[in-house]
Amino acid sequence: LERQLAEEYGVKASTIALLNSIEEEIPSFCIRTLHEQSGASDNNGGENGAEGRGVKRKLDDQVVAAGAAWKETIACKRAKIETEGTNRIWIEPGLQSWQVWVRRHNKRLSSSNPGAALLPENLACLRGSELSAALALFVTEIRKPDDSLYSPDTLYYLLLGLQQHLFNRGKNYCIFLDSVFKKFNSEFDRMIGKFGEELASSRGLHGTQPRTRIVEEDMWQCRLLGAHTPSVLLNTLFYFNTKLFKLKTVEEHMALSFSMIEKDWQGTSSDRCAMLKFYPNKSETLLKKTSRIMLENKDDPLQCPVKLYEFYISKYPAAARSIKGQYYVYPESSCLPDSPVWYSEQALSQHSLSVMLHRALLVRELQEAIA
C-alpha cells in the first residue's frame, strides 16, 4: 500500500511510511505534576521562591535531556533533518505532509475542475493571504497516507515545522499570530478545539498520564514567545500569565488588571531577584493577601517574564492602564518597532483569548504548571 501511494503521489515509499508513523517518531512528553517530578509543592506559584527556582531548573534540565535524547534517536532513524544550530523542531515531517497533501489536493481539483489554479508545493512562494487560505485547507483536509487523522498536538507540531521552514527561507510571517492569517487560525482553532482542556482534565484517568508533543522550547524557537512583534509579546504575556499566575480560563484572563500585579524583590542586596506578584483579590487585607509569583530569569533576559512584562507596559497606552478588567489589548496596525506605543486601547475579544488559550494548553510545561 505504501508503494502504491508513493507511486500515486510521486514520493518515496519512505516518505509515506514516515507520515503514517510520525506520531511514533515525534516524542510525546508525559505530562506530570511538578510535585510528582520533584517532590516540591509548586513552581513559581507560592512564596517559597528559592525552592520554586530549584524545581524550575530540574524541569528545564529534564526538558533539555529529553530533547538531546530525542535528537540522537532521530539522527539514527532519519539522515535528513533540516535544522539550524540546536533547534528541536524537526522540519521534514511538516514539509513532507504539505507536499503529499498538495499533490492529493491538486489531483482531486484537476479531476473535478480542469484548468483550475493549482497549489504550489513550495509554500514559501505564496503571499500572506494566499498562504493563509492554503493552510486553512491544509488543516481541514490533512490526513495520514492511511487516511487516519493526526492528533491535535501532532498537527500543531507539523505546522511549527512549516513555520520554521518559512523563517529559514527568509519569510517573516508568523502564521499563528499575524492578522493576515486569520482564516487559517480560525480553521486551526476549530481543529484543535478544547484538546488542551481535555488533556488537563484526563490526567490520571485509566492509570495513564496524558501526553503532548509540544514543549515550551518549540514556542521560543518558532518565535511564538518573545518580543519579536507586538502580537508575539502579547502572546508571551498571555502564556506566562496562564502558566505562572494560574489563569486557567478565558474569564480569568478577561478579569485581569494591572492593579492586580505588583513588582517586588527577594534575596539580599547583592543577590536580589525581581518578581511579579499577582493578587487575584485586591480587597483582602494586607495580612491575608495571597499571591502567585513570576520570578526574574537572570540567566536569559530575553526569556525573562519580569522584563517582558515591563517592556509590555512601556508599549501600552498610558491612559488605558488604569481601566479595570483590561490587560490584553489589540496591537496598533500601523506601529513600527521603534514606535513609543505598540497597542491600542481596544480590549482583546473573548474569542481571541479563547484561541490563545487553546494553543497554550497544548504545551507540556504549561500543563504541568497549572495542574
Protein backbone atom coordinates (compact mmCIF):
# COMPACT_ATOMS: atom_id res chain seq x y z
CA LEU A 1 0.00 0.00 0.00
CA GLU A 2 2.80 2.42 0.87
CA ARG A 3 4.47 1.71 -2.51
CA GLN A 4 1.20 2.28 -4.33
CA LEU A 5 0.64 5.59 -2.55
CA ALA A 6 4.24 6.62 -3.16
CA GLU A 7 3.85 5.97 -6.89
CA GLU A 8 0.49 7.74 -6.96
CA TYR A 9 1.85 10.93 -5.40
CA GLY A 10 5.36 10.77 -6.82
CA VAL A 11 7.19 10.50 -3.50
CA LYS A 12 9.44 7.91 -1.90
CA ALA A 13 7.88 4.99 -0.06
CA SER A 14 9.91 6.06 2.98
CA THR A 15 8.01 9.38 2.96
CA ILE A 16 4.67 7.57 3.11
CA ALA A 17 5.98 5.32 5.88
CA LEU A 18 7.21 8.34 7.86
CA LEU A 19 3.90 10.19 7.61
CA ASN A 20 1.99 7.09 8.69
CA SER A 21 4.24 6.57 11.73
CA ILE A 22 5.00 10.19 12.58
CA GLU A 23 3.23 10.04 15.94
CA GLU A 24 5.69 7.35 16.99
CA GLU A 25 8.67 9.23 15.51
CA ILE A 26 7.96 12.55 17.26
CA PRO A 27 8.29 12.04 21.02
CA SER A 28 5.24 12.71 23.15
CA PHE A 29 6.22 14.00 26.56
CA CYS A 30 4.40 12.58 29.55
CA ILE A 31 2.61 15.31 31.48
CA ARG A 32 3.25 15.01 35.20
CA THR A 33 2.74 17.47 38.01
CA LEU A 34 5.79 19.25 39.40
CA HIS A 35 5.12 17.55 42.72
CA GLU A 36 5.41 14.15 41.04
CA GLN A 37 8.65 15.15 39.34
CA SER A 38 10.50 16.71 42.25
CA GLY A 39 8.60 16.30 45.48
CA ALA A 40 8.26 20.09 45.66
CA SER A 41 4.96 21.84 46.18
CA ASP A 42 4.84 24.18 43.20
CA ASN A 43 6.80 26.16 40.62
CA ASN A 44 6.59 29.95 40.88
CA GLY A 45 3.21 29.51 42.47
CA GLY A 46 3.88 30.35 46.12
CA GLU A 47 6.06 32.39 48.40
CA ASN A 48 8.96 29.91 48.50
CA GLY A 49 10.85 31.40 45.59
CA ALA A 50 14.20 29.61 46.06
CA GLU A 51 12.50 26.24 46.11
CA GLY A 52 10.44 27.23 43.07
CA ARG A 53 13.58 28.14 41.15
CA GLY A 54 15.15 24.81 42.07
CA VAL A 55 12.13 22.94 40.75
CA LYS A 56 12.22 25.01 37.56
CA ARG A 57 15.89 24.17 36.99
CA LYS A 58 15.16 20.48 37.45
CA LEU A 59 12.29 20.68 34.99
CA ASP A 60 14.40 22.60 32.46
CA ASP A 61 17.20 20.03 32.79
CA GLN A 62 14.71 17.25 32.11
CA VAL A 63 13.39 19.01 29.01
CA VAL A 64 16.93 19.60 27.69
CA ALA A 65 17.89 15.98 28.39
CA ALA A 66 14.74 14.74 26.68
CA GLY A 67 15.47 16.96 23.70
CA ALA A 68 19.05 15.66 23.46
CA ALA A 69 17.90 12.04 23.61
CA TRP A 70 15.20 12.82 21.05
CA LYS A 71 17.70 14.30 18.58
CA GLU A 72 20.08 11.36 18.99
CA THR A 73 17.28 8.87 18.32
CA ILE A 74 16.01 10.73 15.28
CA ALA A 75 19.54 11.09 13.89
CA CYS A 76 19.83 7.31 13.90
CA LYS A 77 16.46 6.84 12.21
CA ARG A 78 16.48 9.68 9.69
CA ALA A 79 19.55 11.05 7.95
CA LYS A 80 17.86 14.14 6.55
CA ILE A 81 16.80 16.63 9.20
CA GLU A 82 16.55 20.27 8.19
CA THR A 83 17.67 22.26 11.20
CA GLU A 84 19.69 25.22 12.36
CA GLY A 85 22.02 25.04 15.35
CA THR A 86 20.39 23.15 18.22
CA ASN A 87 16.79 23.53 17.05
CA ARG A 88 14.43 20.87 18.37
CA ILE A 89 11.80 21.27 15.68
CA TRP A 90 12.08 18.54 13.06
CA ILE A 91 11.03 20.30 9.87
CA GLU A 92 10.97 17.37 7.47
CA PRO A 93 7.62 15.81 8.55
CA GLY A 94 5.81 19.12 8.12
CA LEU A 95 7.27 19.68 4.66
CA GLN A 96 6.54 16.13 3.54
CA SER A 97 2.98 16.23 4.86
CA TRP A 98 2.49 19.51 2.97
CA GLN A 99 3.93 18.03 -0.23
CA VAL A 100 1.78 14.90 -0.13
CA TRP A 101 -1.34 16.92 0.74
CA VAL A 102 -0.72 19.40 -2.11
CA ARG A 103 -0.39 16.55 -4.60
CA ARG A 104 -3.57 14.91 -3.31
CA HIS A 105 -5.44 18.22 -3.35
CA ASN A 106 -4.25 19.17 -6.83
CA LYS A 107 -5.13 15.74 -8.21
CA ARG A 108 -8.70 15.99 -6.89
CA LEU A 109 -9.01 19.58 -8.11
CA SER A 110 -7.75 18.72 -11.60
CA SER A 111 -10.26 15.88 -11.86
CA SER A 112 -13.25 17.93 -10.74
CA ASN A 113 -12.29 21.28 -12.24
CA PRO A 114 -9.79 21.04 -15.13
CA GLY A 115 -7.91 24.27 -15.63
CA ALA A 116 -8.30 25.42 -12.01
CA ALA A 117 -5.29 27.09 -10.38
CA LEU A 118 -3.23 24.51 -8.51
CA LEU A 119 -1.37 24.98 -5.25
CA PRO A 120 2.44 25.14 -5.34
CA GLU A 121 4.48 22.63 -3.36
CA ASN A 122 6.82 25.45 -2.33
CA LEU A 123 4.76 27.21 0.33
CA ALA A 124 7.44 29.91 0.69
CA CYS A 125 6.45 31.33 -2.71
CA LEU A 126 2.92 32.17 -1.52
CA ARG A 127 1.94 35.64 -0.32
CA GLY A 128 0.45 36.01 3.16
CA SER A 129 -3.24 35.92 2.21
CA GLU A 130 -2.65 33.06 -0.25
CA LEU A 131 -0.73 31.09 2.35
CA SER A 132 -3.47 31.65 4.92
CA ALA A 133 -6.11 30.25 2.56
CA ALA A 134 -3.88 27.29 1.65
CA LEU A 135 -3.08 26.49 5.29
CA ALA A 136 -6.79 26.69 6.17
CA LEU A 137 -7.43 23.98 3.58
CA PHE A 138 -4.39 22.03 4.77
CA VAL A 139 -5.52 21.72 8.41
CA THR A 140 -9.05 20.83 7.30
CA GLU A 141 -8.08 18.15 4.80
CA ILE A 142 -4.76 16.77 6.08
CA ARG A 143 -4.73 13.04 6.80
CA LYS A 144 -2.08 10.42 7.20
CA PRO A 145 -1.48 8.45 3.98
CA ASP A 146 -3.57 5.64 5.53
CA ASP A 147 -6.41 8.23 5.78
CA SER A 148 -6.48 8.40 9.59
CA LEU A 149 -6.40 11.73 11.45
CA TYR A 150 -3.42 13.25 13.20
CA SER A 151 -3.88 14.15 16.86
CA PRO A 152 -4.18 17.93 17.51
CA ASP A 153 -0.72 18.16 19.08
CA THR A 154 0.85 16.34 16.12
CA LEU A 155 -0.93 18.70 13.73
CA TYR A 156 0.46 21.63 15.73
CA TYR A 157 3.94 20.13 15.53
CA LEU A 158 3.72 19.74 11.74
CA LEU A 159 2.62 23.38 11.44
CA LEU A 160 5.51 24.51 13.66
CA GLY A 161 7.80 22.72 11.21
CA LEU A 162 6.27 24.71 8.34
CA GLN A 163 6.66 27.90 10.37
CA GLN A 164 10.34 27.17 11.00
CA HIS A 165 10.84 26.37 7.31
CA LEU A 166 9.36 29.76 6.36
CA PHE A 167 11.75 31.51 8.75
CA ASN A 168 14.66 29.54 7.29
CA ARG A 169 13.63 30.75 3.84
CA GLY A 170 13.66 34.39 4.89
CA LYS A 171 9.88 34.74 5.30
CA ASN A 172 8.97 36.65 8.45
CA TYR A 173 5.34 35.56 8.51
CA CYS A 174 4.09 34.35 11.89
CA ILE A 175 1.30 32.11 10.71
CA PHE A 176 -0.19 31.78 14.20
CA LEU A 177 -0.26 35.45 15.18
CA ASP A 178 -0.16 37.77 12.15
CA SER A 179 -3.58 39.23 11.32
CA VAL A 180 -3.34 38.22 7.66
CA PHE A 181 -3.59 34.56 8.78
CA LYS A 182 -6.99 34.99 10.44
CA LYS A 183 -8.68 32.48 8.12
CA PHE A 184 -6.08 29.80 8.82
CA ASN A 185 -6.16 30.35 12.58
CA SER A 186 -9.94 30.12 12.64
CA GLU A 187 -9.77 26.69 10.99
CA PHE A 188 -6.83 25.56 13.12
CA ASP A 189 -8.65 26.52 16.31
CA ARG A 190 -11.67 24.58 15.12
CA MET A 191 -9.46 21.53 14.56
CA ILE A 192 -7.69 21.58 17.93
CA GLY A 193 -10.79 22.74 19.83
CA LYS A 194 -10.54 22.05 23.54
CA PHE A 195 -7.93 19.30 23.24
CA GLY A 196 -5.69 21.06 25.78
CA GLU A 197 -8.51 21.32 28.31
CA GLU A 198 -9.22 17.62 27.80
CA LEU A 199 -5.52 16.89 28.39
CA ALA A 200 -5.68 18.62 31.76
CA SER A 201 -8.95 17.01 32.83
CA SER A 202 -7.85 13.49 31.78
CA ARG A 203 -4.74 13.45 33.97
CA GLY A 204 -4.63 10.27 35.98
CA LEU A 205 -7.63 8.59 34.34
CA HIS A 206 -7.31 4.89 33.47
CA GLY A 207 -3.88 4.74 35.15
CA THR A 208 -2.15 6.67 32.36
CA GLN A 209 -0.69 10.14 32.08
CA PRO A 210 -1.78 12.47 29.24
CA ARG A 211 0.88 13.30 26.69
CA THR A 212 1.71 16.10 24.28
CA ARG A 213 4.37 16.55 21.60
CA ILE A 214 4.75 20.30 22.16
CA VAL A 215 7.28 21.74 24.61
CA GLU A 216 8.00 25.34 25.53
CA GLU A 217 11.30 25.32 23.65
CA ASP A 218 9.29 24.92 20.44
CA MET A 219 7.44 28.15 21.19
CA TRP A 220 10.65 30.15 21.66
CA GLN A 221 12.28 28.60 18.61
CA CYS A 222 9.30 29.37 16.35
CA ARG A 223 9.05 32.95 17.67
CA LEU A 224 5.66 32.48 19.29
CA LEU A 225 7.23 33.67 22.54
CA GLY A 226 9.44 36.72 22.93
CA ALA A 227 9.21 40.37 21.90
CA HIS A 228 9.68 40.00 18.14
CA THR A 229 6.41 41.81 17.32
CA PRO A 230 3.52 43.33 19.31
CA SER A 231 1.43 40.19 18.69
CA VAL A 232 4.21 37.87 19.87
CA LEU A 233 4.77 39.95 23.02
CA LEU A 234 1.03 39.86 23.75
CA ASN A 235 1.00 36.09 23.29
CA THR A 236 4.01 35.77 25.60
CA LEU A 237 2.35 37.68 28.44
CA PHE A 238 -0.76 35.55 27.99
CA TYR A 239 1.34 32.38 28.14
CA PHE A 240 3.21 33.42 31.29
CA ASN A 241 0.00 34.58 32.98
CA THR A 242 -1.57 31.19 32.29
CA LYS A 243 1.48 29.21 33.36
CA LEU A 244 2.73 31.18 36.36
CA PHE A 245 -0.32 33.09 37.58
CA LYS A 246 -2.51 30.01 37.01
CA LEU A 247 -5.15 31.80 34.94
CA LYS A 248 -6.78 28.69 33.51
CA THR A 249 -9.91 30.14 31.91
CA VAL A 250 -10.77 32.90 29.45
CA GLU A 251 -12.92 34.53 32.15
CA GLU A 252 -9.93 34.80 34.50
CA HIS A 253 -7.84 36.41 31.78
CA MET A 254 -10.64 38.85 30.95
CA ALA A 255 -10.80 39.96 34.59
CA LEU A 256 -7.04 40.66 34.79
CA SER A 257 -5.95 44.24 35.53
CA PHE A 258 -2.55 45.86 36.02
CA SER A 259 -3.64 46.81 39.54
CA MET A 260 -3.56 43.11 40.46
CA ILE A 261 0.18 42.86 39.72
CA GLU A 262 2.95 44.25 41.91
CA LYS A 263 6.71 44.15 41.46
CA ASP A 264 8.77 43.01 44.45
CA TRP A 265 12.23 41.71 45.31
CA GLN A 266 13.64 38.79 47.22
CA GLY A 267 17.13 37.97 48.44
CA THR A 268 19.94 40.17 49.72
CA SER A 269 21.02 43.43 48.13
CA SER A 270 23.98 41.70 46.46
CA ASP A 271 21.88 38.90 45.01
CA ARG A 272 18.40 40.33 44.57
CA CYS A 273 15.86 38.68 42.32
CA ALA A 274 12.94 40.65 40.91
CA MET A 275 9.49 39.13 40.90
CA LEU A 276 5.93 39.92 39.95
CA LYS A 277 3.22 39.13 42.48
CA PHE A 278 -0.33 38.56 41.35
CA TYR A 279 -3.12 39.30 43.82
CA PRO A 280 -6.41 37.95 42.43
CA ASN A 281 -8.42 39.62 45.19
CA LYS A 282 -7.24 43.13 45.97
CA SER A 283 -9.99 43.62 48.54
CA GLU A 284 -8.27 41.31 51.02
CA THR A 285 -6.43 42.86 53.92
CA LEU A 286 -2.66 43.14 53.66
CA LEU A 287 -2.04 40.31 56.12
CA LYS A 288 -4.42 37.97 54.32
CA LYS A 289 -3.17 38.69 50.82
CA THR A 290 -2.31 35.58 48.85
CA SER A 291 -0.17 35.92 45.76
CA ARG A 292 1.14 33.93 42.85
CA ILE A 293 4.67 34.69 41.74
CA MET A 294 6.52 35.25 38.48
CA LEU A 295 10.29 35.18 39.02
CA GLU A 296 13.00 37.02 37.12
CA ASN A 297 15.06 34.90 34.71
CA LYS A 298 18.59 36.19 35.22
CA ASP A 299 20.13 33.52 33.01
CA ASP A 300 18.26 34.63 29.89
CA PRO A 301 16.88 38.20 29.93
CA LEU A 302 15.22 37.66 26.53
CA GLN A 303 13.04 34.98 28.12
CA CYS A 304 12.54 36.78 31.43
CA PRO A 305 8.84 37.19 32.31
CA VAL A 306 9.54 40.23 34.50
CA LYS A 307 11.47 42.10 31.80
CA LEU A 308 8.92 41.17 29.14
CA TYR A 309 6.11 42.43 31.40
CA GLU A 310 7.93 45.73 31.91
CA PHE A 311 8.51 46.04 28.17
CA TYR A 312 4.80 45.36 27.56
CA ILE A 313 3.88 48.17 29.97
CA SER A 314 6.30 50.54 28.23
CA LYS A 315 4.49 49.94 24.91
CA TYR A 316 0.98 50.03 26.42
CA PRO A 317 -1.14 53.21 26.14
CA ALA A 318 -0.77 55.01 29.48
CA ALA A 319 -4.39 56.15 29.57
CA ALA A 320 -5.64 52.56 29.41
CA ARG A 321 -3.51 51.06 32.20
CA SER A 322 -5.95 52.00 34.94
CA ILE A 323 -9.04 50.53 33.25
CA LYS A 324 -10.42 47.75 35.41
CA GLY A 325 -10.59 44.37 33.73
CA GLN A 326 -8.40 45.44 30.82
CA TYR A 327 -4.95 43.97 30.35
CA TYR A 328 -4.84 42.48 26.86
CA VAL A 329 -5.41 44.94 24.01
CA TYR A 330 -5.10 44.75 20.23
CA PRO A 331 -1.81 45.83 18.62
CA GLU A 332 -1.86 49.04 16.60
CA SER A 333 -1.91 48.05 12.93
CA SER A 334 0.39 50.88 11.87
CA CYS A 335 3.03 50.75 14.62
CA LEU A 336 6.75 50.31 13.88
CA PRO A 337 9.37 48.57 16.07
CA ASP A 338 10.59 51.94 17.38
CA SER A 339 7.09 53.35 17.94
CA PRO A 340 6.61 54.54 21.54
CA VAL A 341 3.21 52.77 21.71
CA TRP A 342 2.52 49.37 20.20
CA TYR A 343 -1.04 48.84 21.35
CA SER A 344 -4.48 50.38 21.02
CA GLU A 345 -6.96 50.91 23.86
CA GLN A 346 -9.34 48.26 22.50
CA ALA A 347 -9.57 45.18 24.71
CA LEU A 348 -8.92 41.80 23.13
CA SER A 349 -12.13 39.88 22.41
CA GLN A 350 -13.21 36.80 24.30
CA HIS A 351 -12.82 34.77 21.11
CA SER A 352 -9.22 35.93 20.61
CA LEU A 353 -8.35 34.97 24.19
CA SER A 354 -10.01 31.59 23.69
CA VAL A 355 -7.88 30.90 20.60
CA MET A 356 -4.71 31.82 22.53
CA LEU A 357 -5.70 29.57 25.43
CA HIS A 358 -6.39 26.56 23.21
CA ARG A 359 -2.88 26.80 21.75
CA ALA A 360 -1.17 27.44 25.08
CA LEU A 361 -2.79 24.40 26.67
CA LEU A 362 -1.03 22.14 24.16
CA VAL A 363 2.36 22.93 25.75
CA ARG A 364 3.73 20.39 28.19
CA GLU A 365 5.30 22.78 30.71
CA LEU A 366 2.14 24.85 30.97
CA GLN A 367 0.01 21.78 31.58
CA GLU A 368 2.36 20.69 34.36
CA ALA A 369 2.43 24.13 35.96
CA ILE A 370 -1.35 24.55 36.22
CA ALA A 371 -2.01 21.02 37.47
